[in-house]
Amino acid sequence: MWNNFITIALFLTSAVTLVTSNPTNPVCGTCNPVSGLNHCDPTTSCINTGAHFHCACRAGYKASEEKNNVNKQFRLNMPNYGFLVFTPENT
């Protein structure tokens, strides 16, 4: 009986970890914290690059199907983070 409980607990923990670490819709939103329109995913950061705001998204996220369009999104290798995807406002 106790072994069944441990097995079920481990299964549920694994399932929750899998769901929270791999979102089903990896789309990076847009942000503008000044206007209160921050649509970045909660796991990202809304950053100011000087002239524009960008969502800094984890590797694997994308702004749109236009993955080669640097006006929609671009990817940079960031030390200690791997690659981050950046998307400008209104993407």
PDB file of N, CA and C in Angstrom:
ATOM      1  N   MET A   1       0.828  -1.190   0.000  1.00  0.00           N
ATOM      2  CA  MET A   1       0.000   0.000   0.000  1.00  0.00           C
ATOM      3  C   MET A   1       0.873   1.255   0.000  1.00  0.00           C
ATOM      4  N   TRP A   2       1.886   1.304   0.875  1.00  0.00           N
ATOM      5  CA  TRP A   2       2.761   2.470   0.963  1.00  0.00           C
ATOM      6  C   TRP A   2       3.530   2.672  -0.335  1.00  0.00           C
ATOM      7  N   ASN A   3       3.970   1.566  -0.982  1.00  0.00           N
ATOM      8  CA  ASN A   3       4.686   1.664  -2.255  1.00  0.00           C
ATOM      9  C   ASN A   3       3.797   2.254  -3.338  1.00  0.00           C
ATOM     10  N   ASN A   4       2.507   1.905  -3.336  1.00  0.00           N
ATOM     11  CA  ASN A   4       1.583   2.477  -4.319  1.00  0.00           C
ATOM     12  C   ASN A   4       1.444   3.981  -4.119  1.00  0.00           C
ATOM     13  N   PHE A   5       1.371   4.409  -2.870  1.00  0.00           N
ATOM     14  CA  PHE A   5       1.261   5.841  -2.575  1.00  0.00           C
ATOM     15  C   PHE A   5       2.495   6.589  -3.076  1.00  0.00           C
ATOM     16  N   ILE A   6       3.677   6.042  -2.828  1.00  0.00           N
ATOM     17  CA  ILE A   6       4.920   6.679  -3.271  1.00  0.00           C
ATOM     18  C   ILE A   6       4.971   6.737  -4.794  1.00  0.00           C
ATOM     19  N   THR A   7       4.565   5.656  -5.454  1.00  0.00           N
ATOM     20  CA  THR A   7       4.555   5.622  -6.915  1.00  0.00           C
ATOM     21  C   THR A   7       3.619   6.681  -7.478  1.00  0.00           C
ATOM     22  N   ILE A   8       2.435   6.801  -6.925  1.00  0.00           N
ATOM     23  CA  ILE A   8       1.462   7.798  -7.393  1.00  0.00           C
ATOM     24  C   ILE A   8       1.987   9.209  -7.131  1.00  0.00           C
ATOM     25  N   ALA A   9       2.572   9.437  -5.970  1.00  0.00           N
ATOM     26  CA  ALA A   9       3.113  10.764  -5.640  1.00  0.00           C
ATOM     27  C   ALA A   9       4.228  11.152  -6.602  1.00  0.00           C
ATOM     28  N   LEU A  10       5.122  10.216  -6.904  1.00  0.00           N
ATOM     29  CA  LEU A  10       6.197  10.499  -7.853  1.00  0.00           C
ATOM     30  C   LEU A  10       5.653  10.767  -9.247  1.00  0.00           C
ATOM     31  N   PHE A  11       4.646  10.022  -9.672  1.00  0.00           N
ATOM     32  CA  PHE A  11       4.032  10.234 -10.983  1.00  0.00           C
ATOM     33  C   PHE A  11       3.415  11.622 -11.071  1.00  0.00           C
ATOM     34  N   LEU A  12       2.655  12.016 -10.049  1.00  0.00           N
ATOM     35  CA  LEU A  12       2.015  13.337 -10.064  1.00  0.00           C
ATOM     36  C   LEU A  12       3.047  14.455 -10.048  1.00  0.00           C
ATOM     37  N   THR A  13       4.104  14.287  -9.268  1.00  0.00           N
ATOM     38  CA  THR A  13       5.166  15.296  -9.237  1.00  0.00           C
ATOM     39  C   THR A  13       5.828  15.422 -10.598  1.00  0.00           C
ATOM     40  N   SER A  14       6.093  14.300 -11.248  1.00  0.00           N
ATOM     41  CA  SER A  14       6.701  14.319 -12.576  1.00  0.00           C
ATOM     42  C   SER A  14       5.780  14.969 -13.594  1.00  0.00           C
ATOM     43  N   ALA A  15       4.492  14.673 -13.523  1.00  0.00           N
ATOM     44  CA  ALA A  15       3.527  15.239 -14.470  1.00  0.00           C
ATOM     45  C   ALA A  15       3.424  16.748 -14.302  1.00  0.00           C
ATOM     46  N   VAL A  16       3.379  17.218 -13.066  1.00  0.00           N
ATOM     47  CA  VAL A  16       3.302  18.666 -12.816  1.00  0.00           C
ATOM     48  C   VAL A  16       4.567  19.350 -13.307  1.00  0.00           C
ATOM     49  N   THR A  17       5.724  18.760 -13.055  1.00  0.00           N
ATOM     50  CA  THR A  17       6.984  19.331 -13.512  1.00  0.00           C
ATOM     51  C   THR A  17       7.026  19.394 -15.028  1.00  0.00           C
ATOM     52  N   LEU A  18       6.585  18.359 -15.699  1.00  0.00           N
ATOM     53  CA  LEU A  18       6.579  18.324 -17.155  1.00  0.00           C
ATOM     54  C   LEU A  18       5.667  19.394 -17.724  1.00  0.00           C
ATOM     55  N   VAL A  19       4.485  19.554 -17.173  1.00  0.00           N
ATOM     56  CA  VAL A  19       3.527  20.542 -17.673  1.00  0.00           C
ATOM     57  C   VAL A  19       4.044  21.952 -17.457  1.00  0.00           C
ATOM     58  N   THR A  20       4.616  22.234 -16.299  1.00  0.00           N
ATOM     59  CA  THR A  20       5.062  23.597 -16.016  1.00  0.00           C
ATOM     60  C   THR A  20       6.374  23.940 -16.701  1.00  0.00           C
ATOM     61  N   SER A  21       7.207  22.963 -17.026  1.00  0.00           N
ATOM     62  CA  SER A  21       8.480  23.271 -17.662  1.00  0.00           C
ATOM     63  C   SER A  21       8.397  23.271 -19.180  1.00  0.00           C
ATOM     64  N   ASN A  22       7.346  22.713 -19.762  1.00  0.00           N
ATOM     65  CA  ASN A  22       7.170  22.676 -21.206  1.00  0.00           C
ATOM     66  C   ASN A  22       5.804  23.228 -21.575  1.00  0.00           C
ATOM     67  N   PRO A  23       5.693  24.554 -21.721  1.00  0.00           N
ATOM     68  CA  PRO A  23       4.388  25.114 -22.058  1.00  0.00           C
ATOM     69  C   PRO A  23       3.899  24.589 -23.396  1.00  0.00           C
ATOM     70  N   THR A  24       2.578  24.469 -23.532  1.00  0.00           N
ATOM     71  CA  THR A  24       2.014  23.899 -24.747  1.00  0.00           C
ATOM     72  C   THR A  24       2.034  24.872 -25.906  1.00  0.00           C
ATOM     73  N   ASN A  25       2.111  26.164 -25.642  1.00  0.00           N
ATOM     74  CA  ASN A  25       2.094  27.148 -26.702  1.00  0.00           C
ATOM     75  C   ASN A  25       3.281  28.090 -26.521  1.00  0.00           C
ATOM     76  N   PRO A  26       4.475  27.710 -27.003  1.00  0.00           N
ATOM     77  CA  PRO A  26       5.656  28.522 -26.739  1.00  0.00           C
ATOM     78  C   PRO A  26       5.716  29.776 -27.605  1.00  0.00           C
ATOM     79  N   VAL A  27       4.878  30.751 -27.290  1.00  0.00           N
ATOM     80  CA  VAL A  27       4.860  32.004 -28.026  1.00  0.00           C
ATOM     81  C   VAL A  27       5.244  33.123 -27.075  1.00  0.00           C
ATOM     82  N   CYS A  28       6.167  33.934 -27.486  1.00  0.00           N
ATOM     83  CA  CYS A  28       6.630  35.044 -26.668  1.00  0.00           C
ATOM     84  C   CYS A  28       5.786  36.264 -26.984  1.00  0.00           C
ATOM     85  N   GLY A  29       5.239  36.908 -25.969  1.00  0.00           N
ATOM     86  CA  GLY A  29       4.366  38.054 -26.181  1.00  0.00           C
ATOM     87  C   GLY A  29       5.114  39.350 -26.407  1.00  0.00           C
ATOM     88  N   THR A  30       4.428  40.462 -26.245  1.00  0.00           N
ATOM     89  CA  THR A  30       5.042  41.778 -26.382  1.00  0.00           C
ATOM     90  C   THR A  30       4.887  42.543 -25.082  1.00  0.00           C
ATOM     91  N   CYS A  31       5.655  43.602 -24.920  1.00  0.00           N
ATOM     92  CA  CYS A  31       5.583  44.324 -23.656  1.00  0.00           C
ATOM     93  C   CYS A  31       5.786  45.814 -23.838  1.00  0.00           C
ATOM     94  N   ASN A  32       5.249  46.540 -22.911  1.00  0.00           N
ATOM     95  CA  ASN A  32       5.508  47.959 -22.733  1.00  0.00           C
ATOM     96  C   ASN A  32       5.070  48.285 -21.314  1.00  0.00           C
ATOM     97  N   PRO A  33       5.981  48.177 -20.342  1.00  0.00           N
ATOM     98  CA  PRO A  33       5.585  48.378 -18.948  1.00  0.00           C
ATOM     99  C   PRO A  33       5.118  49.796 -18.652  1.00  0.00           C
ATOM    100  N   VAL A  34       5.539  50.768 -19.451  1.00  0.00           N
ATOM    101  CA  VAL A  34       5.127  52.152 -19.235  1.00  0.00           C
ATOM    102  C   VAL A  34       3.633  52.306 -19.474  1.00  0.00           C
ATOM    103  N   SER A  35       3.135  51.652 -20.521  1.00  0.00           N
ATOM    104  CA  SER A  35       1.713  51.763 -20.847  1.00  0.00           C
ATOM    105  C   SER A  35       0.869  50.749 -20.095  1.00  0.00           C
ATOM    106  N   GLY A  36       1.517  49.830 -19.359  1.00  0.00           N
ATOM    107  CA  GLY A  36       0.782  48.796 -18.644  1.00  0.00           C
ATOM    108  C   GLY A  36       0.353  47.651 -19.534  1.00  0.00           C
ATOM    109  N   LEU A  37       0.907  47.575 -20.735  1.00  0.00           N
ATOM    110  CA  LEU A  37       0.537  46.514 -21.676  1.00  0.00           C
ATOM    111  C   LEU A  37       1.643  45.475 -21.776  1.00  0.00           C
ATOM    112  N   ASN A  38       1.995  44.892 -20.660  1.00  0.00           N
ATOM    113  CA  ASN A  38       3.022  43.870 -20.645  1.00  0.00           C
ATOM    114  C   ASN A  38       2.379  42.524 -20.935  1.00  0.00           C
ATOM    115  N   HIS A  39       2.597  42.015 -22.145  1.00  0.00           N
ATOM    116  CA  HIS A  39       2.033  40.728 -22.549  1.00  0.00           C
ATOM    117  C   HIS A  39       3.099  39.638 -22.601  1.00  0.00           C
ATOM    118  N   CYS A  40       4.222  39.871 -21.943  1.00  0.00           N
ATOM    119  CA  CYS A  40       5.257  38.837 -21.887  1.00  0.00           C
ATOM    120  C   CYS A  40       4.757  37.668 -21.047  1.00  0.00           C
ATOM    121  N   ASP A  41       5.245  36.495 -21.370  1.00  0.00           N
ATOM    122  CA  ASP A  41       4.960  35.315 -20.572  1.00  0.00           C
ATOM    123  C   ASP A  41       5.525  35.546 -19.169  1.00  0.00           C
ATOM    124  N   PRO A  42       4.886  35.026 -18.123  1.00  0.00           N
ATOM    125  CA  PRO A  42       5.396  35.228 -16.757  1.00  0.00           C
ATOM    126  C   PRO A  42       6.827  34.739 -16.544  1.00  0.00           C
ATOM    127  N   THR A  43       7.314  33.848 -17.406  1.00  0.00           N
ATOM    128  CA  THR A  43       8.679  33.340 -17.249  1.00  0.00           C
ATOM    129  C   THR A  43       9.705  34.214 -17.955  1.00  0.00           C
ATOM    130  N   THR A  44       9.286  35.318 -18.563  1.00  0.00           N
ATOM    131  CA  THR A  44      10.190  36.186 -19.309  1.00  0.00           C
ATOM    132  C   THR A  44      10.364  37.516 -18.591  1.00  0.00           C
ATOM    133  N   SER A  45      11.148  38.374 -19.189  1.00  0.00           N
ATOM    134  CA  SER A  45      11.353  39.717 -18.653  1.00  0.00           C
ATOM    135  C   SER A  45      11.052  40.742 -19.733  1.00  0.00           C
ATOM    136  N   CYS A  46      10.428  41.831 -19.347  1.00  0.00           N
ATOM    137  CA  CYS A  46      10.197  42.952 -20.250  1.00  0.00           C
ATOM    138  C   CYS A  46      11.362  43.913 -20.042  1.00  0.00           C
ATOM    139  N   ILE A  47      12.179  44.101 -21.079  1.00  0.00           N
ATOM    140  CA  ILE A  47      13.374  44.921 -20.923  1.00  0.00           C
ATOM    141  C   ILE A  47      13.329  46.134 -21.838  1.00  0.00           C
ATOM    142  N   ASN A  48      14.023  47.176 -21.442  1.00  0.00           N
ATOM    143  CA  ASN A  48      14.143  48.397 -22.229  1.00  0.00           C
ATOM    144  C   ASN A  48      15.525  48.386 -22.859  1.00  0.00           C
ATOM    145  N   THR A  49      15.590  48.421 -24.186  1.00  0.00           N
ATOM    146  CA  THR A  49      16.877  48.409 -24.878  1.00  0.00           C
ATOM    147  C   THR A  49      17.337  49.813 -25.235  1.00  0.00           C
ATOM    148  N   GLY A  50      16.703  50.816 -24.682  1.00  0.00           N
ATOM    149  CA  GLY A  50      17.079  52.194 -24.948  1.00  0.00           C
ATOM    150  C   GLY A  50      16.010  52.918 -25.742  1.00  0.00           C
ATOM    151  N   ALA A  51      15.665  52.392 -26.900  1.00  0.00           N
ATOM    152  CA  ALA A  51      14.644  53.013 -27.740  1.00  0.00           C
ATOM    153  C   ALA A  51      13.352  52.208 -27.761  1.00  0.00           C
ATOM    154  N   HIS A  52      13.435  50.917 -27.443  1.00  0.00           N
ATOM    155  CA  HIS A  52      12.280  50.026 -27.540  1.00  0.00           C
ATOM    156  C   HIS A  52      12.245  49.078 -26.347  1.00  0.00           C
ATOM    157  N   PHE A  53      11.089  48.463 -26.152  1.00  0.00           N
ATOM    158  CA  PHE A  53      10.931  47.416 -25.151  1.00  0.00           C
ATOM    159  C   PHE A  53      10.890  46.070 -25.854  1.00  0.00           C
ATOM    160  N   HIS A  54      11.460  45.066 -25.224  1.00  0.00           N
ATOM    161  CA  HIS A  54      11.458  43.710 -25.768  1.00  0.00           C
ATOM    162  C   HIS A  54      11.155  42.722 -24.651  1.00  0.00           C
ATOM    163  N   CYS A  55      10.472  41.625 -25.010  1.00  0.00           N
ATOM    164  CA  CYS A  55      10.374  40.483 -24.105  1.00  0.00           C
ATOM    165  C   CYS A  55      11.640  39.663 -24.302  1.00  0.00           C
ATOM    166  N   ALA A  56      12.279  39.286 -23.232  1.00  0.00           N
ATOM    167  CA  ALA A  56      13.424  38.390 -23.296  1.00  0.00           C
ATOM    168  C   ALA A  56      12.906  37.013 -22.913  1.00  0.00           C
ATOM    169  N   CYS A  57      12.751  36.162 -23.911  1.00  0.00           N
ATOM    170  CA  CYS A  57      12.124  34.849 -23.734  1.00  0.00           C
ATOM    171  C   CYS A  57      13.169  33.750 -23.703  1.00  0.00           C
ATOM    172  N   ARG A  58      12.807  32.661 -23.056  1.00  0.00           N
ATOM    173  CA  ARG A  58      13.694  31.502 -22.996  1.00  0.00           C
ATOM    174  C   ARG A  58      13.872  30.900 -24.379  1.00  0.00           C
ATOM    175  N   ALA A  59      14.963  30.188 -24.553  1.00  0.00           N
ATOM    176  CA  ALA A  59      15.202  29.480 -25.804  1.00  0.00           C
ATOM    177  C   ALA A  59      14.039  28.542 -26.089  1.00  0.00           C
ATOM    178  N   GLY A  60      13.639  28.472 -27.336  1.00  0.00           N
ATOM    179  CA  GLY A  60      12.523  27.625 -27.729  1.00  0.00           C
ATOM    180  C   GLY A  60      11.246  28.402 -27.949  1.00  0.00           C
ATOM    181  N   TYR A  61      11.175  29.611 -27.426  1.00  0.00           N
ATOM    182  CA  TYR A  61      10.006  30.455 -27.652  1.00  0.00           C
ATOM    183  C   TYR A  61      10.172  31.195 -28.968  1.00  0.00           C
ATOM    184  N   LYS A  62       9.068  31.628 -29.539  1.00  0.00           N
ATOM    185  CA  LYS A  62       9.113  32.396 -30.772  1.00  0.00           C
ATOM    186  C   LYS A  62       7.981  33.411 -30.770  1.00  0.00           C
ATOM    187  N   ALA A  63       8.151  34.463 -31.555  1.00  0.00           N
ATOM    188  CA  ALA A  63       7.133  35.502 -31.637  1.00  0.00           C
ATOM    189  C   ALA A  63       6.096  35.168 -32.692  1.00  0.00           C
ATOM    190  N   SER A  64       6.525  34.528 -33.744  1.00  0.00           N
ATOM    191  CA  SER A  64       5.623  34.237 -34.852  1.00  0.00           C
ATOM    192  C   SER A  64       6.225  33.118 -35.686  1.00  0.00           C
ATOM    193  N   GLU A  65       5.525  32.766 -36.733  1.00  0.00           N
ATOM    194  CA  GLU A  65       6.035  31.738 -37.649  1.00  0.00           C
ATOM    195  C   GLU A  65       7.190  32.270 -38.490  1.00  0.00           C
ATOM    196  N   GLU A  66       7.372  33.581 -38.512  1.00  0.00           N
ATOM    197  CA  GLU A  66       8.428  34.201 -39.305  1.00  0.00           C
ATOM    198  C   GLU A  66       9.743  34.175 -38.535  1.00  0.00           C
ATOM    199  N   LYS A  67      10.274  32.975 -38.320  1.00  0.00           N
ATOM    200  CA  LYS A  67      11.437  32.833 -37.449  1.00  0.00           C
ATOM    201  C   LYS A  67      12.706  33.477 -38.000  1.00  0.00           C
ATOM    202  N   ASN A  68      12.762  33.745 -39.299  1.00  0.00           N
ATOM    203  CA  ASN A  68      13.947  34.373 -39.876  1.00  0.00           C
ATOM    204  C   ASN A  68      13.790  35.879 -40.061  1.00  0.00           C
ATOM    205  N   ASN A  69      12.682  36.455 -39.628  1.00  0.00           N
ATOM    206  CA  ASN A  69      12.418  37.879 -39.757  1.00  0.00           C
ATOM    207  C   ASN A  69      12.896  38.587 -38.485  1.00  0.00           C
ATOM    208  N   VAL A  70      14.059  39.259 -38.552  1.00  0.00           N
ATOM    209  CA  VAL A  70      14.624  39.893 -37.361  1.00  0.00           C
ATOM    210  C   VAL A  70      13.814  41.099 -36.904  1.00  0.00           C
ATOM    211  N   ASN A  71      12.862  41.561 -37.707  1.00  0.00           N
ATOM    212  CA  ASN A  71      11.965  42.621 -37.261  1.00  0.00           C
ATOM    213  C   ASN A  71      10.902  42.077 -36.318  1.00  0.00           C
ATOM    214  N   LYS A  72      10.675  40.760 -36.350  1.00  0.00           N
ATOM    215  CA  LYS A  72       9.678  40.114 -35.492  1.00  0.00           C
ATOM    216  C   LYS A  72      10.302  39.472 -34.264  1.00  0.00           C
ATOM    217  N   GLN A  73      11.527  38.989 -34.397  1.00  0.00           N
ATOM    218  CA  GLN A  73      12.207  38.320 -33.290  1.00  0.00           C
ATOM    219  C   GLN A  73      13.671  38.113 -33.644  1.00  0.00           C
ATOM    220  N   PHE A  74      14.506  38.049 -32.636  1.00  0.00           N
ATOM    221  CA  PHE A  74      15.902  37.727 -32.860  1.00  0.00           C
ATOM    222  C   PHE A  74      16.418  36.965 -31.651  1.00  0.00           C
ATOM    223  N   ARG A  75      17.465  36.195 -31.870  1.00  0.00           N
ATOM    224  CA  ARG A  75      18.003  35.316 -30.840  1.00  0.00           C
ATOM    225  C   ARG A  75      19.451  35.696 -30.557  1.00  0.00           C
ATOM    226  N   LEU A  76      19.790  35.803 -29.285  1.00  0.00           N
ATOM    227  CA  LEU A  76      21.155  36.134 -28.882  1.00  0.00           C
ATOM    228  C   LEU A  76      21.661  35.114 -27.875  1.00  0.00           C
ATOM    229  N   ASN A  77      22.939  34.802 -27.977  1.00  0.00           N
ATOM    230  CA  ASN A  77      23.567  33.911 -27.010  1.00  0.00           C
ATOM    231  C   ASN A  77      23.934  34.744 -25.789  1.00  0.00           C
ATOM    232  N   MET A  78      23.333  34.431 -24.658  1.00  0.00           N
ATOM    233  CA  MET A  78      23.555  35.177 -23.424  1.00  0.00           C
ATOM    234  C   MET A  78      24.335  34.303 -22.445  1.00  0.00           C
ATOM    235  N   PRO A  79      25.447  34.803 -21.914  1.00  0.00           N
ATOM    236  CA  PRO A  79      26.216  34.015 -20.940  1.00  0.00           C
ATOM    237  C   PRO A  79      25.333  33.577 -19.770  1.00  0.00           C
ATOM    238  N   ASN A  80      25.493  32.347 -19.367  1.00  0.00           N
ATOM    239  CA  ASN A  80      24.762  31.728 -18.248  1.00  0.00           C
ATOM    240  C   ASN A  80      23.281  31.493 -18.534  1.00  0.00           C
ATOM    241  N   TYR A  81      22.789  31.813 -19.712  1.00  0.00           N
ATOM    242  CA  TYR A  81      21.384  31.598 -20.046  1.00  0.00           C
ATOM    243  C   TYR A  81      21.203  30.769 -21.311  1.00  0.00           C
ATOM    244  N   GLY A  82      22.234  30.567 -22.094  1.00  0.00           N
ATOM    245  CA  GLY A  82      22.059  29.957 -23.401  1.00  0.00           C
ATOM    246  C   GLY A  82      21.522  31.015 -24.340  1.00  0.00           C
ATOM    247  N   PHE A  83      20.664  30.625 -25.236  1.00  0.00           N
ATOM    248  CA  PHE A  83      20.085  31.576 -26.171  1.00  0.00           C
ATOM    249  C   PHE A  83      18.786  32.133 -25.617  1.00  0.00           C
ATOM    250  N   LEU A  84      18.600  33.445 -25.719  1.00  0.00           N
ATOM    251  CA  LEU A  84      17.334  34.087 -25.379  1.00  0.00           C
ATOM    252  C   LEU A  84      16.733  34.643 -26.658  1.00  0.00           C
ATOM    253  N   VAL A  85      15.421  34.595 -26.754  1.00  0.00           N
ATOM    254  CA  VAL A  85      14.697  35.134 -27.899  1.00  0.00           C
ATOM    255  C   VAL A  85      14.126  36.481 -27.487  1.00  0.00           C
ATOM    256  N   PHE A  86      14.365  37.497 -28.287  1.00  0.00           N
ATOM    257  CA  PHE A  86      13.865  38.841 -28.015  1.00  0.00           C
ATOM    258  C   PHE A  86      12.807  39.208 -29.043  1.00  0.00           C
ATOM    259  N   THR A  87      11.702  39.744 -28.579  1.00  0.00           N
ATOM    260  CA  THR A  87      10.639  40.179 -29.481  1.00  0.00           C
ATOM    261  C   THR A  87      10.314  41.636 -29.195  1.00  0.00           C
ATOM    262  N   PRO A  88      10.199  42.465 -30.239  1.00  0.00           N
ATOM    263  CA  PRO A  88       9.873  43.873 -30.025  1.00  0.00           C
ATOM    264  C   PRO A  88       8.393  44.070 -29.722  1.00  0.00           C
ATOM    265  N   GLU A  89       8.035  45.307 -29.378  1.00  0.00           N
ATOM    266  CA  GLU A  89       6.640  45.640 -29.118  1.00  0.00           C
ATOM    267  C   GLU A  89       5.787  45.364 -30.350  1.00  0.00           C
ATOM    268  N   ASN A  90       4.526  45.050 -30.112  1.00  0.00           N
ATOM    269  CA  ASN A  90       3.526  44.854 -31.168  1.00  0.00           C
ATOM    270  C   ASN A  90       3.889  43.762 -32.153  1.00  0.00           C
ATOM    271  N   THR A  91       4.592  42.734 -31.694  1.00  0.00           N
ATOM    272  CA  THR A  91       4.961  41.624 -32.570  1.00  0.00           C
ATOM    273  C   THR A  91       3.829  40.628 -32.628  1.00  0.00           C
TER     274      THR A  91
END
